[in-house]
Amino acid sequence: MSLSGTDLGVLGKLAEALGIFSAGQPNGDWFAKPDVYLKQVLANPTQRAALVAFIDEALGGEDRRTVGSTTWLPLVSLSNPPLSVCL
């Protein structure tokens, strides 16, 4: 039996973002060089998209906004005082 990213649900997206999984399959190279994959989470388009998908699903994506080529994902929103922390 083999494990794929879809078997992990939302955590599969996090594993893809961290580089533990690649194209839905375990990345055997990750345990030898985790620093390489962790350093490129935001720089690698595939890992960045997986991180956005994870945050979107885990925190609820109703407030996600795209302005030009920038996607804003609210992590924390307060009403008093008005404050939003986004990724």
PDB file of N, CA and C in Angstrom:
ATOM      1  N   MET A   1       0.839  -1.175   0.000  1.00  0.00           N
ATOM      2  CA  MET A   1       0.000   0.000   0.000  1.00  0.00           C
ATOM      3  C   MET A   1       0.888   1.245   0.000  1.00  0.00           C
ATOM      4  N   SER A   2       0.567   2.174  -0.853  1.00  0.00           N
ATOM      5  CA  SER A   2       1.331   3.419  -0.886  1.00  0.00           C
ATOM      6  C   SER A   2       0.444   4.577  -0.454  1.00  0.00           C
ATOM      7  N   LEU A   3       1.066   5.580   0.064  1.00  0.00           N
ATOM      8  CA  LEU A   3       0.381   6.757   0.575  1.00  0.00           C
ATOM      9  C   LEU A   3       0.495   7.871  -0.443  1.00  0.00           C
ATOM     10  N   SER A   4      -0.598   8.568  -0.697  1.00  0.00           N
ATOM     11  CA  SER A   4      -0.552   9.720  -1.597  1.00  0.00           C
ATOM     12  C   SER A   4      -1.072  10.949  -0.857  1.00  0.00           C
ATOM     13  N   GLY A   5      -0.846  12.110  -1.438  1.00  0.00           N
ATOM     14  CA  GLY A   5      -1.271  13.363  -0.822  1.00  0.00           C
ATOM     15  C   GLY A   5      -2.770  13.445  -0.619  1.00  0.00           C
ATOM     16  N   THR A   6      -3.547  12.821  -1.507  1.00  0.00           N
ATOM     17  CA  THR A   6      -5.003  12.872  -1.367  1.00  0.00           C
ATOM     18  C   THR A   6      -5.485  12.056  -0.170  1.00  0.00           C
ATOM     19  N   ASP A   7      -4.695  11.081   0.278  1.00  0.00           N
ATOM     20  CA  ASP A   7      -5.059  10.290   1.453  1.00  0.00           C
ATOM     21  C   ASP A   7      -5.020  11.119   2.735  1.00  0.00           C
ATOM     22  N   LEU A   8      -4.308  12.224   2.705  1.00  0.00           N
ATOM     23  CA  LEU A   8      -4.119  13.045   3.906  1.00  0.00           C
ATOM     24  C   LEU A   8      -5.097  14.207   4.006  1.00  0.00           C
ATOM     25  N   GLY A   9      -5.972  14.373   3.027  1.00  0.00           N
ATOM     26  CA  GLY A   9      -6.920  15.478   3.049  1.00  0.00           C
ATOM     27  C   GLY A   9      -6.215  16.821   3.000  1.00  0.00           C
ATOM     28  N   VAL A  10      -6.634  17.756   3.835  1.00  0.00           N
ATOM     29  CA  VAL A  10      -6.045  19.099   3.842  1.00  0.00           C
ATOM     30  C   VAL A  10      -4.566  19.056   4.227  1.00  0.00           C
ATOM     31  N   LEU A  11      -4.175  18.081   5.028  1.00  0.00           N
ATOM     32  CA  LEU A  11      -2.761  17.966   5.406  1.00  0.00           C
ATOM     33  C   LEU A  11      -1.891  17.565   4.217  1.00  0.00           C
ATOM     34  N   GLY A  12      -2.489  16.945   3.207  1.00  0.00           N
ATOM     35  CA  GLY A  12      -1.751  16.630   1.984  1.00  0.00           C
ATOM     36  C   GLY A  12      -1.294  17.894   1.280  1.00  0.00           C
ATOM     37  N   LYS A  13      -2.121  18.933   1.337  1.00  0.00           N
ATOM     38  CA  LYS A  13      -1.737  20.221   0.748  1.00  0.00           C
ATOM     39  C   LYS A  13      -0.590  20.850   1.522  1.00  0.00           C
ATOM     40  N   LEU A  14      -0.614  20.710   2.833  1.00  0.00           N
ATOM     41  CA  LEU A  14       0.482  21.222   3.646  1.00  0.00           C
ATOM     42  C   LEU A  14       1.761  20.443   3.351  1.00  0.00           C
ATOM     43  N   ALA A  15       1.665  19.122   3.226  1.00  0.00           N
ATOM     44  CA  ALA A  15       2.831  18.294   2.903  1.00  0.00           C
ATOM     45  C   ALA A  15       3.400  18.673   1.538  1.00  0.00           C
ATOM     46  N   GLU A  16       2.532  18.983   0.585  1.00  0.00           N
ATOM     47  CA  GLU A  16       2.976  19.430  -0.743  1.00  0.00           C
ATOM     48  C   GLU A  16       3.670  20.789  -0.631  1.00  0.00           C
ATOM     49  N   ALA A  17       3.113  21.675   0.176  1.00  0.00           N
ATOM     50  CA  ALA A  17       3.712  23.007   0.364  1.00  0.00           C
ATOM     51  C   ALA A  17       5.094  22.915   0.992  1.00  0.00           C
ATOM     52  N   LEU A  18       5.266  21.997   1.936  1.00  0.00           N
ATOM     53  CA  LEU A  18       6.551  21.844   2.613  1.00  0.00           C
ATOM     54  C   LEU A  18       7.556  21.040   1.797  1.00  0.00           C
ATOM     55  N   GLY A  19       7.084  20.418   0.704  1.00  0.00           N
ATOM     56  CA  GLY A  19       7.969  19.631  -0.148  1.00  0.00           C
ATOM     57  C   GLY A  19       8.070  18.177   0.248  1.00  0.00           C
ATOM     58  N   ILE A  20       7.324  17.756   1.270  1.00  0.00           N
ATOM     59  CA  ILE A  20       7.344  16.358   1.703  1.00  0.00           C
ATOM     60  C   ILE A  20       6.716  15.474   0.629  1.00  0.00           C
ATOM     61  N   PHE A  21       5.713  16.017  -0.070  1.00  0.00           N
ATOM     62  CA  PHE A  21       5.093  15.345  -1.210  1.00  0.00           C
ATOM     63  C   PHE A  21       5.370  16.181  -2.447  1.00  0.00           C
ATOM     64  N   SER A  22       5.489  15.523  -3.583  1.00  0.00           N
ATOM     65  CA  SER A  22       5.674  16.203  -4.862  1.00  0.00           C
ATOM     66  C   SER A  22       4.748  15.542  -5.876  1.00  0.00           C
ATOM     67  N   ALA A  23       3.895  16.320  -6.505  1.00  0.00           N
ATOM     68  CA  ALA A  23       2.897  15.809  -7.455  1.00  0.00           C
ATOM     69  C   ALA A  23       2.041  14.716  -6.807  1.00  0.00           C
ATOM     70  N   GLY A  24       1.730  14.886  -5.518  1.00  0.00           N
ATOM     71  CA  GLY A  24       0.860  13.960  -4.808  1.00  0.00           C
ATOM     72  C   GLY A  24       1.530  12.692  -4.309  1.00  0.00           C
ATOM     73  N   GLN A  25       2.818  12.537  -4.553  1.00  0.00           N
ATOM     74  CA  GLN A  25       3.548  11.337  -4.137  1.00  0.00           C
ATOM     75  C   GLN A  25       4.642  11.713  -3.142  1.00  0.00           C
ATOM     76  N   PRO A  26       4.988  10.810  -2.216  1.00  0.00           N
ATOM     77  CA  PRO A  26       6.057  11.105  -1.253  1.00  0.00           C
ATOM     78  C   PRO A  26       7.366  11.455  -1.957  1.00  0.00           C
ATOM     79  N   ASN A  27       8.041  12.460  -1.436  1.00  0.00           N
ATOM     80  CA  ASN A  27       9.315  12.917  -1.981  1.00  0.00           C
ATOM     81  C   ASN A  27      10.423  12.288  -1.145  1.00  0.00           C
ATOM     82  N   GLY A  28      11.032  11.211  -1.658  1.00  0.00           N
ATOM     83  CA  GLY A  28      12.069  10.490  -0.932  1.00  0.00           C
ATOM     84  C   GLY A  28      13.299  11.327  -0.649  1.00  0.00           C
ATOM     85  N   ASP A  29      13.521  12.366  -1.425  1.00  0.00           N
ATOM     86  CA  ASP A  29      14.685  13.238  -1.257  1.00  0.00           C
ATOM     87  C   ASP A  29      14.513  14.213  -0.097  1.00  0.00           C
ATOM     88  N   TRP A  30      13.271  14.394   0.386  1.00  0.00           N
ATOM     89  CA  TRP A  30      12.994  15.399   1.405  1.00  0.00           C
ATOM     90  C   TRP A  30      13.757  15.126   2.693  1.00  0.00           C
ATOM     91  N   PHE A  31      13.807  13.885   3.139  1.00  0.00           N
ATOM     92  CA  PHE A  31      14.461  13.574   4.413  1.00  0.00           C
ATOM     93  C   PHE A  31      15.973  13.732   4.338  1.00  0.00           C
ATOM     94  N   ALA A  32      16.537  13.653   3.141  1.00  0.00           N
ATOM     95  CA  ALA A  32      17.977  13.875   2.974  1.00  0.00           C
ATOM     96  C   ALA A  32      18.309  15.360   2.954  1.00  0.00           C
ATOM     97  N   LYS A  33      17.387  16.186   2.404  1.00  0.00           N
ATOM     98  CA  LYS A  33      17.647  17.625   2.268  1.00  0.00           C
ATOM     99  C   LYS A  33      16.399  18.450   2.577  1.00  0.00           C
ATOM    100  N   PRO A  34      15.868  18.372   3.791  1.00  0.00           N
ATOM    101  CA  PRO A  34      14.645  19.134   4.087  1.00  0.00           C
ATOM    102  C   PRO A  34      14.853  20.637   3.948  1.00  0.00           C
ATOM    103  N   ASP A  35      16.050  21.128   4.243  1.00  0.00           N
ATOM    104  CA  ASP A  35      16.311  22.561   4.162  1.00  0.00           C
ATOM    105  C   ASP A  35      16.101  23.104   2.751  1.00  0.00           C
ATOM    106  N   VAL A  36      16.438  22.321   1.745  1.00  0.00           N
ATOM    107  CA  VAL A  36      16.273  22.756   0.351  1.00  0.00           C
ATOM    108  C   VAL A  36      14.802  23.016   0.058  1.00  0.00           C
ATOM    109  N   TYR A  37      13.934  22.109   0.475  1.00  0.00           N
ATOM    110  CA  TYR A  37      12.509  22.229   0.180  1.00  0.00           C
ATOM    111  C   TYR A  37      11.823  23.269   1.052  1.00  0.00           C
ATOM    112  N   LEU A  38      12.250  23.389   2.301  1.00  0.00           N
ATOM    113  CA  LEU A  38      11.640  24.371   3.192  1.00  0.00           C
ATOM    114  C   LEU A  38      12.012  25.798   2.792  1.00  0.00           C
ATOM    115  N   LYS A  39      13.219  25.979   2.251  1.00  0.00           N
ATOM    116  CA  LYS A  39      13.651  27.317   1.824  1.00  0.00           C
ATOM    117  C   LYS A  39      12.866  27.827   0.623  1.00  0.00           C
ATOM    118  N   GLN A  40      12.325  26.918  -0.177  1.00  0.00           N
ATOM    119  CA  GLN A  40      11.680  27.344  -1.416  1.00  0.00           C
ATOM    120  C   GLN A  40      10.151  27.309  -1.364  1.00  0.00           C
ATOM    121  N   VAL A  41       9.566  27.223  -0.172  1.00  0.00           N
ATOM    122  CA  VAL A  41       8.109  27.145  -0.055  1.00  0.00           C
ATOM    123  C   VAL A  41       7.424  28.291  -0.802  1.00  0.00           C
ATOM    124  N   LEU A  42       7.900  29.503  -0.641  1.00  0.00           N
ATOM    125  CA  LEU A  42       7.265  30.644  -1.320  1.00  0.00           C
ATOM    126  C   LEU A  42       7.834  30.893  -2.710  1.00  0.00           C
ATOM    127  N   ALA A  43       9.061  30.468  -2.966  1.00  0.00           N
ATOM    128  CA  ALA A  43       9.699  30.719  -4.258  1.00  0.00           C
ATOM    129  C   ALA A  43       9.249  29.729  -5.332  1.00  0.00           C
ATOM    130  N   ASN A  44       8.961  28.491  -4.955  1.00  0.00           N
ATOM    131  CA  ASN A  44       8.548  27.466  -5.911  1.00  0.00           C
ATOM    132  C   ASN A  44       7.049  27.609  -6.174  1.00  0.00           C
ATOM    133  N   PRO A  45       6.644  27.827  -7.432  1.00  0.00           N
ATOM    134  CA  PRO A  45       5.218  28.049  -7.724  1.00  0.00           C
ATOM    135  C   PRO A  45       4.302  26.900  -7.280  1.00  0.00           C
ATOM    136  N   THR A  46       4.751  25.666  -7.410  1.00  0.00           N
ATOM    137  CA  THR A  46       3.926  24.519  -7.016  1.00  0.00           C
ATOM    138  C   THR A  46       3.755  24.472  -5.505  1.00  0.00           C
ATOM    139  N   GLN A  47       4.836  24.682  -4.771  1.00  0.00           N
ATOM    140  CA  GLN A  47       4.755  24.678  -3.309  1.00  0.00           C
ATOM    141  C   GLN A  47       3.943  25.872  -2.820  1.00  0.00           C
ATOM    142  N   ARG A  48       4.126  27.037  -3.435  1.00  0.00           N
ATOM    143  CA  ARG A  48       3.368  28.228  -3.033  1.00  0.00           C
ATOM    144  C   ARG A  48       1.878  28.016  -3.265  1.00  0.00           C
ATOM    145  N   ALA A  49       1.504  27.439  -4.406  1.00  0.00           N
ATOM    146  CA  ALA A  49       0.089  27.174  -4.694  1.00  0.00           C
ATOM    147  C   ALA A  49      -0.496  26.191  -3.687  1.00  0.00           C
ATOM    148  N   ALA A  50       0.282  25.192  -3.287  1.00  0.00           N
ATOM    149  CA  ALA A  50      -0.188  24.234  -2.283  1.00  0.00           C
ATOM    150  C   ALA A  50      -0.362  24.912  -0.926  1.00  0.00           C
ATOM    151  N   LEU A  51       0.536  25.836  -0.576  1.00  0.00           N
ATOM    152  CA  LEU A  51       0.416  26.572   0.684  1.00  0.00           C
ATOM    153  C   LEU A  51      -0.843  27.441   0.679  1.00  0.00           C
ATOM    154  N   VAL A  52      -1.089  28.123  -0.427  1.00  0.00           N
ATOM    155  CA  VAL A  52      -2.295  28.948  -0.546  1.00  0.00           C
ATOM    156  C   VAL A  52      -3.538  28.070  -0.432  1.00  0.00           C
ATOM    157  N   ALA A  53      -3.535  26.920  -1.096  1.00  0.00           N
ATOM    158  CA  ALA A  53      -4.682  26.007  -1.035  1.00  0.00           C
ATOM    159  C   ALA A  53      -4.894  25.493   0.389  1.00  0.00           C
ATOM    160  N   PHE A  54      -3.798  25.174   1.096  1.00  0.00           N
ATOM    161  CA  PHE A  54      -3.911  24.706   2.482  1.00  0.00           C
ATOM    162  C   PHE A  54      -4.509  25.788   3.375  1.00  0.00           C
ATOM    163  N   ILE A  55      -3.954  26.988   3.311  1.00  0.00           N
ATOM    164  CA  ILE A  55      -4.453  28.082   4.155  1.00  0.00           C
ATOM    165  C   ILE A  55      -5.899  28.397   3.806  1.00  0.00           C
ATOM    166  N   ASP A  56      -6.196  28.412   2.515  1.00  0.00           N
ATOM    167  CA  ASP A  56      -7.552  28.695   2.054  1.00  0.00           C
ATOM    168  C   ASP A  56      -8.551  27.690   2.628  1.00  0.00           C
ATOM    169  N   GLU A  57      -8.201  26.416   2.590  1.00  0.00           N
ATOM    170  CA  GLU A  57      -9.115  25.382   3.083  1.00  0.00           C
ATOM    171  C   GLU A  57      -9.134  25.304   4.599  1.00  0.00           C
ATOM    172  N   ALA A  58      -7.975  25.407   5.237  1.00  0.00           N
ATOM    173  CA  ALA A  58      -7.898  25.270   6.687  1.00  0.00           C
ATOM    174  C   ALA A  58      -8.542  26.453   7.415  1.00  0.00           C
ATOM    175  N   LEU A  59      -8.378  27.652   6.871  1.00  0.00           N
ATOM    176  CA  LEU A  59      -8.906  28.843   7.548  1.00  0.00           C
ATOM    177  C   LEU A  59     -10.181  29.374   6.909  1.00  0.00           C
ATOM    178  N   GLY A  60     -10.624  28.771   5.832  1.00  0.00           N
ATOM    179  CA  GLY A  60     -11.815  29.258   5.132  1.00  0.00           C
ATOM    180  C   GLY A  60     -11.423  30.333   4.149  1.00  0.00           C
ATOM    181  N   GLY A  61     -11.798  30.163   2.901  1.00  0.00           N
ATOM    182  CA  GLY A  61     -11.329  31.052   1.857  1.00  0.00           C
ATOM    183  C   GLY A  61     -12.284  32.138   1.428  1.00  0.00           C
ATOM    184  N   GLU A  62     -13.279  32.457   2.237  1.00  0.00           N
ATOM    185  CA  GLU A  62     -14.269  33.434   1.787  1.00  0.00           C
ATOM    186  C   GLU A  62     -13.719  34.852   1.636  1.00  0.00           C
ATOM    187  N   ASP A  63     -12.636  35.201   2.326  1.00  0.00           N
ATOM    188  CA  ASP A  63     -12.093  36.555   2.261  1.00  0.00           C
ATOM    189  C   ASP A  63     -10.879  36.672   1.338  1.00  0.00           C
ATOM    190  N   ARG A  64     -10.546  35.611   0.623  1.00  0.00           N
ATOM    191  CA  ARG A  64      -9.391  35.624  -0.282  1.00  0.00           C
ATOM    192  C   ARG A  64      -9.602  36.655  -1.380  1.00  0.00           C
ATOM    193  N   ARG A  65      -8.576  37.482  -1.604  1.00  0.00           N
ATOM    194  CA  ARG A  65      -8.661  38.508  -2.649  1.00  0.00           C
ATOM    195  C   ARG A  65      -7.435  38.444  -3.536  1.00  0.00           C
ATOM    196  N   THR A  66      -7.637  38.714  -4.821  1.00  0.00           N
ATOM    197  CA  THR A  66      -6.524  38.795  -5.763  1.00  0.00           C
ATOM    198  C   THR A  66      -6.530  40.186  -6.362  1.00  0.00           C
ATOM    199  N   VAL A  67      -5.395  40.857  -6.254  1.00  0.00           N
ATOM    200  CA  VAL A  67      -5.213  42.191  -6.822  1.00  0.00           C
ATOM    201  C   VAL A  67      -4.035  42.095  -7.781  1.00  0.00           C
ATOM    202  N   GLY A  68      -4.316  42.202  -9.065  1.00  0.00           N
ATOM    203  CA  GLY A  68      -3.266  42.008 -10.053  1.00  0.00           C
ATOM    204  C   GLY A  68      -2.788  40.570  -9.982  1.00  0.00           C
ATOM    205  N   SER A  69      -1.507  40.373  -9.760  1.00  0.00           N
ATOM    206  CA  SER A  69      -0.970  39.017  -9.637  1.00  0.00           C
ATOM    207  C   SER A  69      -0.716  38.631  -8.182  1.00  0.00           C
ATOM    208  N   THR A  70      -1.188  39.452  -7.239  1.00  0.00           N
ATOM    209  CA  THR A  70      -0.975  39.200  -5.812  1.00  0.00           C
ATOM    210  C   THR A  70      -2.241  38.644  -5.177  1.00  0.00           C
ATOM    211  N   THR A  71      -2.104  37.548  -4.441  1.00  0.00           N
ATOM    212  CA  THR A  71      -3.228  36.955  -3.719  1.00  0.00           C
ATOM    213  C   THR A  71      -3.061  37.251  -2.240  1.00  0.00           C
ATOM    214  N   TRP A  72      -4.112  37.802  -1.637  1.00  0.00           N
ATOM    215  CA  TRP A  72      -4.105  38.129  -0.206  1.00  0.00           C
ATOM    216  C   TRP A  72      -4.976  37.120   0.525  1.00  0.00           C
ATOM    217  N   LEU A  73      -4.370  36.403   1.467  1.00  0.00           N
ATOM    218  CA  LEU A  73      -5.093  35.438   2.293  1.00  0.00           C
ATOM    219  C   LEU A  73      -5.099  35.929   3.730  1.00  0.00           C
ATOM    220  N   PRO A  74      -6.253  36.346   4.243  1.00  0.00           N
ATOM    221  CA  PRO A  74      -6.299  36.819   5.624  1.00  0.00           C
ATOM    222  C   PRO A  74      -6.042  35.685   6.603  1.00  0.00           C
ATOM    223  N   LEU A  75      -5.113  35.908   7.511  1.00  0.00           N
ATOM    224  CA  LEU A  75      -4.813  34.930   8.558  1.00  0.00           C
ATOM    225  C   LEU A  75      -5.539  35.290   9.847  1.00  0.00           C
ATOM    226  N   VAL A  76      -5.586  36.605  10.149  1.00  0.00           N
ATOM    227  CA  VAL A  76      -6.242  37.104  11.356  1.00  0.00           C
ATOM    228  C   VAL A  76      -6.951  38.397  10.997  1.00  0.00           C
ATOM    229  N   SER A  77      -8.193  38.539  11.441  1.00  0.00           N
ATOM    230  CA  SER A  77      -8.939  39.784  11.242  1.00  0.00           C
ATOM    231  C   SER A  77      -9.593  40.188  12.551  1.00  0.00           C
ATOM    232  N   LEU A  78      -9.383  41.445  12.947  1.00  0.00           N
ATOM    233  CA  LEU A  78      -9.989  42.001  14.156  1.00  0.00           C
ATOM    234  C   LEU A  78     -10.864  43.181  13.764  1.00  0.00           C
ATOM    235  N   SER A  79     -11.958  43.352  14.488  1.00  0.00           N
ATOM    236  CA  SER A  79     -12.825  44.488  14.176  1.00  0.00           C
ATOM    237  C   SER A  79     -12.521  45.716  15.033  1.00  0.00           C
ATOM    238  N   ASN A  80     -12.025  45.504  16.274  1.00  0.00           N
ATOM    239  CA  ASN A  80     -11.738  46.631  17.137  1.00  0.00           C
ATOM    240  C   ASN A  80     -10.407  46.414  17.843  1.00  0.00           C
ATOM    241  N   PRO A  81      -9.364  47.044  17.461  1.00  0.00           N
ATOM    242  CA  PRO A  81      -9.227  47.975  16.345  1.00  0.00           C
ATOM    243  C   PRO A  81      -9.218  47.218  15.032  1.00  0.00           C
ATOM    244  N   PRO A  82      -9.592  47.895  13.943  1.00  0.00           N
ATOM    245  CA  PRO A  82      -9.597  47.218  12.644  1.00  0.00           C
ATOM    246  C   PRO A  82      -8.174  46.816  12.242  1.00  0.00           C
ATOM    247  N   LEU A  83      -7.968  45.511  12.098  1.00  0.00           N
ATOM    248  CA  LEU A  83      -6.640  44.996  11.783  1.00  0.00           C
ATOM    249  C   LEU A  83      -6.790  43.681  11.025  1.00  0.00           C
ATOM    250  N   SER A  84      -6.027  43.540   9.950  1.00  0.00           N
ATOM    251  CA  SER A  84      -5.965  42.294   9.203  1.00  0.00           C
ATOM    252  C   SER A  84      -4.531  41.912   8.974  1.00  0.00           C
ATOM    253  N   VAL A  85      -4.197  40.660   9.213  1.00  0.00           N
ATOM    254  CA  VAL A  85      -2.862  40.126   8.928  1.00  0.00           C
ATOM    255  C   VAL A  85      -3.056  39.134   7.788  1.00  0.00           C
ATOM    256  N   CYS A  86      -2.354  39.376   6.687  1.00  0.00           N
ATOM    257  CA  CYS A  86      -2.529  38.558   5.484  1.00  0.00           C
ATOM    258  C   CYS A  86      -1.217  37.942   5.044  1.00  0.00           C
ATOM    259  N   LEU A  87      -1.328  36.881   4.276  1.00  0.00           N
ATOM    260  CA  LEU A  87      -0.173  36.237   3.655  1.00  0.00           C
ATOM    261  C   LEU A  87      -0.275  36.484   2.180  1.00  0.00           C
TER     262      LEU A  87
END
